[in-house]
Amino acid sequence: MHPTAEHVAAVLREHGVPGHVTEPPGPVPTAAKAAAQLRCEAERAVRALYLSGQLAKAAELVDQLGPYGVAEGPDGTLSLGAAVLDAYADQLTRADRRAADAAYLRAAELQRSFAAAATSGGEGIARMMEAGRIEAKCASRQSSG
């Protein structure tokens, strides 16, 4: 099994998340298609962990979603990786300010990458506004503390 798929499977098992990782029945013709298949498995794992409130484990997997991420929510404005890290940072704010700030900044970075993959100007602007919203949360915490 591919190392990324093994890691995703291990995280799923470790946290009792239902599901399993499968490999294609035969060779995949291109690296891009193989990567797309692995991203789908990673996306399922991240979504399952995110929805079950296991934000720390979901945050560990967000980089496996690919350079431009995948959409979260019905309007596709926010990336799943940014949503996970934003929620995780919210959870960390009282316990570990530095870790929370790092998670907010990483979430904004992922969101900007997601915005770069927009297919229209309006979509890109909406996605960049989400990056700005996340960055503002970090900046307001830094100015208040």
C-alpha atoms as a PDB file:
ATOM      1  CA  MET A   1       0.000   0.000   0.000  1.00  0.00           C
ATOM      2  CA  HIS A   2       1.222   3.522  -0.774  1.00  0.00           C
ATOM      3  CA  PRO A   3       2.729   5.284   2.311  1.00  0.00           C
ATOM      4  CA  THR A   4       0.116   8.065   2.179  1.00  0.00           C
ATOM      5  CA  ALA A   5      -2.683   5.519   2.030  1.00  0.00           C
ATOM      6  CA  GLU A   6      -1.103   3.594   4.917  1.00  0.00           C
ATOM      7  CA  HIS A   7      -0.943   6.790   7.003  1.00  0.00           C
ATOM      8  CA  VAL A   8      -4.576   7.647   6.276  1.00  0.00           C
ATOM      9  CA  ALA A   9      -5.644   4.090   7.118  1.00  0.00           C
ATOM     10  CA  ALA A  10      -3.676   4.166  10.377  1.00  0.00           C
ATOM     11  CA  VAL A  11      -5.253   7.454  11.461  1.00  0.00           C
ATOM     12  CA  LEU A  12      -8.716   6.114  10.627  1.00  0.00           C
ATOM     13  CA  ARG A  13      -8.119   2.938  12.648  1.00  0.00           C
ATOM     14  CA  GLU A  14      -6.520   4.788  15.554  1.00  0.00           C
ATOM     15  CA  HIS A  15      -9.580   6.976  15.987  1.00  0.00           C
ATOM     16  CA  GLY A  16     -12.220   4.390  15.291  1.00  0.00           C
ATOM     17  CA  VAL A  17     -13.467   6.189  12.191  1.00  0.00           C
ATOM     18  CA  PRO A  18     -15.431   3.776  10.016  1.00  0.00           C
ATOM     19  CA  GLY A  19     -14.145   3.141   6.536  1.00  0.00           C
ATOM     20  CA  HIS A  20     -11.152   1.694   4.829  1.00  0.00           C
ATOM     21  CA  VAL A  21      -8.541   2.664   2.304  1.00  0.00           C
ATOM     22  CA  THR A  22      -8.553   0.808  -0.968  1.00  0.00           C
ATOM     23  CA  GLU A  23      -6.006   0.696  -3.732  1.00  0.00           C
ATOM     24  CA  PRO A  24      -6.876   0.641  -7.420  1.00  0.00           C
ATOM     25  CA  PRO A  25      -7.260  -2.873  -8.833  1.00  0.00           C
ATOM     26  CA  GLY A  26      -4.478  -2.347 -11.302  1.00  0.00           C
ATOM     27  CA  PRO A  27      -1.825   0.108 -12.342  1.00  0.00           C
ATOM     28  CA  VAL A  28      -2.850   3.734 -12.613  1.00  0.00           C
ATOM     29  CA  PRO A  29      -1.822   5.202 -15.985  1.00  0.00           C
ATOM     30  CA  THR A  30      -0.473   8.541 -14.724  1.00  0.00           C
ATOM     31  CA  ALA A  31       0.913  10.017 -11.554  1.00  0.00           C
ATOM     32  CA  ALA A  32      -1.809  12.680 -11.700  1.00  0.00           C
ATOM     33  CA  LYS A  33      -4.542  10.036 -11.676  1.00  0.00           C
ATOM     34  CA  ALA A  34      -2.871   8.172  -8.827  1.00  0.00           C
ATOM     35  CA  ALA A  35      -2.545  11.401  -6.854  1.00  0.00           C
ATOM     36  CA  ALA A  36      -6.197  12.218  -7.498  1.00  0.00           C
ATOM     37  CA  GLN A  37      -7.246   8.821  -6.177  1.00  0.00           C
ATOM     38  CA  LEU A  38      -5.110   9.238  -3.059  1.00  0.00           C
ATOM     39  CA  ARG A  39      -6.488  12.759  -2.496  1.00  0.00           C
ATOM     40  CA  CYS A  40     -10.004  11.299  -2.579  1.00  0.00           C
ATOM     41  CA  GLU A  41      -9.084   8.859   0.195  1.00  0.00           C
ATOM     42  CA  ALA A  42      -7.377  11.621   2.191  1.00  0.00           C
ATOM     43  CA  GLU A  43     -10.387  13.871   1.683  1.00  0.00           C
ATOM     44  CA  ARG A  44     -12.746  11.206   3.047  1.00  0.00           C
ATOM     45  CA  ALA A  45     -10.517  10.715   6.089  1.00  0.00           C
ATOM     46  CA  VAL A  46     -10.177  14.457   6.756  1.00  0.00           C
ATOM     47  CA  ARG A  47     -13.929  14.983   6.398  1.00  0.00           C
ATOM     48  CA  ALA A  48     -14.722  12.080   8.739  1.00  0.00           C
ATOM     49  CA  LEU A  49     -12.301  13.330  11.391  1.00  0.00           C
ATOM     50  CA  TYR A  50     -13.477  16.949  10.986  1.00  0.00           C
ATOM     51  CA  LEU A  51     -17.142  16.032  11.281  1.00  0.00           C
ATOM     52  CA  SER A  52     -16.477  13.863  14.326  1.00  0.00           C
ATOM     53  CA  GLY A  53     -14.672  16.753  16.056  1.00  0.00           C
ATOM     54  CA  GLN A  54     -11.236  15.123  15.921  1.00  0.00           C
ATOM     55  CA  LEU A  55      -9.623  18.337  14.739  1.00  0.00           C
ATOM     56  CA  ALA A  56      -6.032  17.597  15.774  1.00  0.00           C
ATOM     57  CA  LYS A  57      -5.963  14.402  13.701  1.00  0.00           C
ATOM     58  CA  ALA A  58      -7.780  16.065  10.796  1.00  0.00           C
ATOM     59  CA  ALA A  59      -5.198  18.887  10.914  1.00  0.00           C
ATOM     60  CA  GLU A  60      -2.398  16.319  10.569  1.00  0.00           C
ATOM     61  CA  LEU A  61      -3.837  15.186   7.230  1.00  0.00           C
ATOM     62  CA  VAL A  62      -4.726  18.483   5.514  1.00  0.00           C
ATOM     63  CA  ASP A  63      -1.482  18.649   3.533  1.00  0.00           C
ATOM     64  CA  GLN A  64      -2.461  15.420   1.810  1.00  0.00           C
ATOM     65  CA  LEU A  65      -5.396  17.170   0.127  1.00  0.00           C
ATOM     66  CA  GLY A  66      -3.150  18.516  -2.631  1.00  0.00           C
ATOM     67  CA  PRO A  67      -1.729  21.941  -3.407  1.00  0.00           C
ATOM     68  CA  TYR A  68      -5.106  23.574  -4.082  1.00  0.00           C
ATOM     69  CA  GLY A  69      -7.243  21.629  -1.625  1.00  0.00           C
ATOM     70  CA  VAL A  70     -10.891  20.680  -1.953  1.00  0.00           C
ATOM     71  CA  ALA A  71     -14.005  22.681  -1.243  1.00  0.00           C
ATOM     72  CA  GLU A  72     -15.887  22.602   2.034  1.00  0.00           C
ATOM     73  CA  GLY A  73     -19.506  23.643   2.163  1.00  0.00           C
ATOM     74  CA  PRO A  74     -22.177  24.089  -0.483  1.00  0.00           C
ATOM     75  CA  ASP A  75     -20.815  27.253  -2.110  1.00  0.00           C
ATOM     76  CA  GLY A  76     -17.194  26.088  -2.486  1.00  0.00           C
ATOM     77  CA  THR A  77     -15.792  29.300  -1.026  1.00  0.00           C
ATOM     78  CA  LEU A  78     -13.810  27.756   1.838  1.00  0.00           C
ATOM     79  CA  SER A  79     -11.274  24.950   1.434  1.00  0.00           C
ATOM     80  CA  LEU A  80     -11.598  21.879   3.615  1.00  0.00           C
ATOM     81  CA  GLY A  81      -8.012  22.258   4.868  1.00  0.00           C
ATOM     82  CA  ALA A  82      -8.586  25.886   5.854  1.00  0.00           C
ATOM     83  CA  ALA A  83     -11.867  24.984   7.563  1.00  0.00           C
ATOM     84  CA  VAL A  84     -10.173  22.243   9.594  1.00  0.00           C
ATOM     85  CA  LEU A  85      -7.234  24.428  10.649  1.00  0.00           C
ATOM     86  CA  ASP A  86      -9.479  27.413  11.410  1.00  0.00           C
ATOM     87  CA  ALA A  87     -11.665  25.275  13.689  1.00  0.00           C
ATOM     88  CA  TYR A  88      -8.586  23.671  15.251  1.00  0.00           C
ATOM     89  CA  ALA A  89      -7.083  27.117  15.935  1.00  0.00           C
ATOM     90  CA  ASP A  90     -10.353  28.191  17.571  1.00  0.00           C
ATOM     91  CA  GLN A  91     -10.061  25.119  19.802  1.00  0.00           C
ATOM     92  CA  LEU A  92      -6.439  25.920  20.693  1.00  0.00           C
ATOM     93  CA  THR A  93      -6.855  29.625  21.501  1.00  0.00           C
ATOM     94  CA  ARG A  94      -7.030  29.265  25.279  1.00  0.00           C
ATOM     95  CA  ALA A  95      -4.589  26.396  25.709  1.00  0.00           C
ATOM     96  CA  ASP A  96      -1.768  27.328  23.334  1.00  0.00           C
ATOM     97  CA  ARG A  97      -1.783  30.788  21.723  1.00  0.00           C
ATOM     98  CA  ARG A  98       1.311  30.158  19.596  1.00  0.00           C
ATOM     99  CA  ALA A  99      -0.071  26.933  18.184  1.00  0.00           C
ATOM    100  CA  ALA A 100      -3.408  28.643  17.530  1.00  0.00           C
ATOM    101  CA  ASP A 101      -1.704  31.511  15.697  1.00  0.00           C
ATOM    102  CA  ALA A 102       0.328  29.060  13.612  1.00  0.00           C
ATOM    103  CA  ALA A 103      -2.838  27.134  12.728  1.00  0.00           C
ATOM    104  CA  TYR A 104      -4.672  30.342  11.737  1.00  0.00           C
ATOM    105  CA  LEU A 105      -1.768  31.429   9.531  1.00  0.00           C
ATOM    106  CA  ARG A 106      -1.503  27.989   7.903  1.00  0.00           C
ATOM    107  CA  ALA A 107      -5.280  27.994   7.338  1.00  0.00           C
ATOM    108  CA  ALA A 108      -5.040  31.383   5.606  1.00  0.00           C
ATOM    109  CA  GLU A 109      -2.139  30.097   3.484  1.00  0.00           C
ATOM    110  CA  LEU A 110      -4.149  27.040   2.398  1.00  0.00           C
ATOM    111  CA  GLN A 111      -7.109  29.278   1.639  1.00  0.00           C
ATOM    112  CA  ARG A 112      -4.979  31.548  -0.570  1.00  0.00           C
ATOM    113  CA  SER A 113      -3.780  28.475  -2.509  1.00  0.00           C
ATOM    114  CA  PHE A 114      -7.413  27.421  -2.878  1.00  0.00           C
ATOM    115  CA  ALA A 115      -8.237  30.903  -4.184  1.00  0.00           C
ATOM    116  CA  ALA A 116      -5.475  30.586  -6.790  1.00  0.00           C
ATOM    117  CA  ALA A 117      -7.346  27.647  -8.326  1.00  0.00           C
ATOM    118  CA  ALA A 118     -10.553  29.661  -8.791  1.00  0.00           C
ATOM    119  CA  THR A 119     -12.059  29.545 -12.257  1.00  0.00           C
ATOM    120  CA  SER A 120     -13.570  33.034 -12.207  1.00  0.00           C
ATOM    121  CA  GLY A 121     -12.725  36.430 -10.761  1.00  0.00           C
ATOM    122  CA  GLY A 122     -15.710  36.462  -8.426  1.00  0.00           C
ATOM    123  CA  GLU A 123     -14.907  33.028  -7.104  1.00  0.00           C
ATOM    124  CA  GLY A 124     -11.290  34.042  -6.481  1.00  0.00           C
ATOM    125  CA  ILE A 125     -12.354  37.203  -4.643  1.00  0.00           C
ATOM    126  CA  ALA A 126     -14.796  35.267  -2.438  1.00  0.00           C
ATOM    127  CA  ARG A 127     -12.078  32.746  -1.587  1.00  0.00           C
ATOM    128  CA  MET A 128      -9.550  35.497  -0.822  1.00  0.00           C
ATOM    129  CA  MET A 129     -12.097  37.148   1.471  1.00  0.00           C
ATOM    130  CA  GLU A 130     -12.167  33.895   3.483  1.00  0.00           C
ATOM    131  CA  ALA A 131      -8.360  34.003   3.741  1.00  0.00           C
ATOM    132  CA  GLY A 132      -8.640  37.588   4.987  1.00  0.00           C
ATOM    133  CA  ARG A 133     -11.279  36.584   7.553  1.00  0.00           C
ATOM    134  CA  ILE A 134      -8.986  33.887   8.953  1.00  0.00           C
ATOM    135  CA  GLU A 135      -5.962  36.213   9.038  1.00  0.00           C
ATOM    136  CA  ALA A 136      -8.068  38.847  10.818  1.00  0.00           C
ATOM    137  CA  LYS A 137      -8.899  36.353  13.577  1.00  0.00           C
ATOM    138  CA  CYS A 138      -5.188  35.848  14.185  1.00  0.00           C
ATOM    139  CA  ALA A 139      -4.390  39.570  14.013  1.00  0.00           C
ATOM    140  CA  SER A 140      -7.194  40.504  16.414  1.00  0.00           C
ATOM    141  CA  ARG A 141      -5.968  37.911  18.906  1.00  0.00           C
ATOM    142  CA  GLN A 142      -2.416  39.245  18.654  1.00  0.00           C
ATOM    143  CA  SER A 143      -3.494  42.860  19.212  1.00  0.00           C
ATOM    144  CA  SER A 144      -5.693  41.945  22.180  1.00  0.00           C
ATOM    145  CA  GLY A 145      -3.151  39.796  23.967  1.00  0.00           C
END
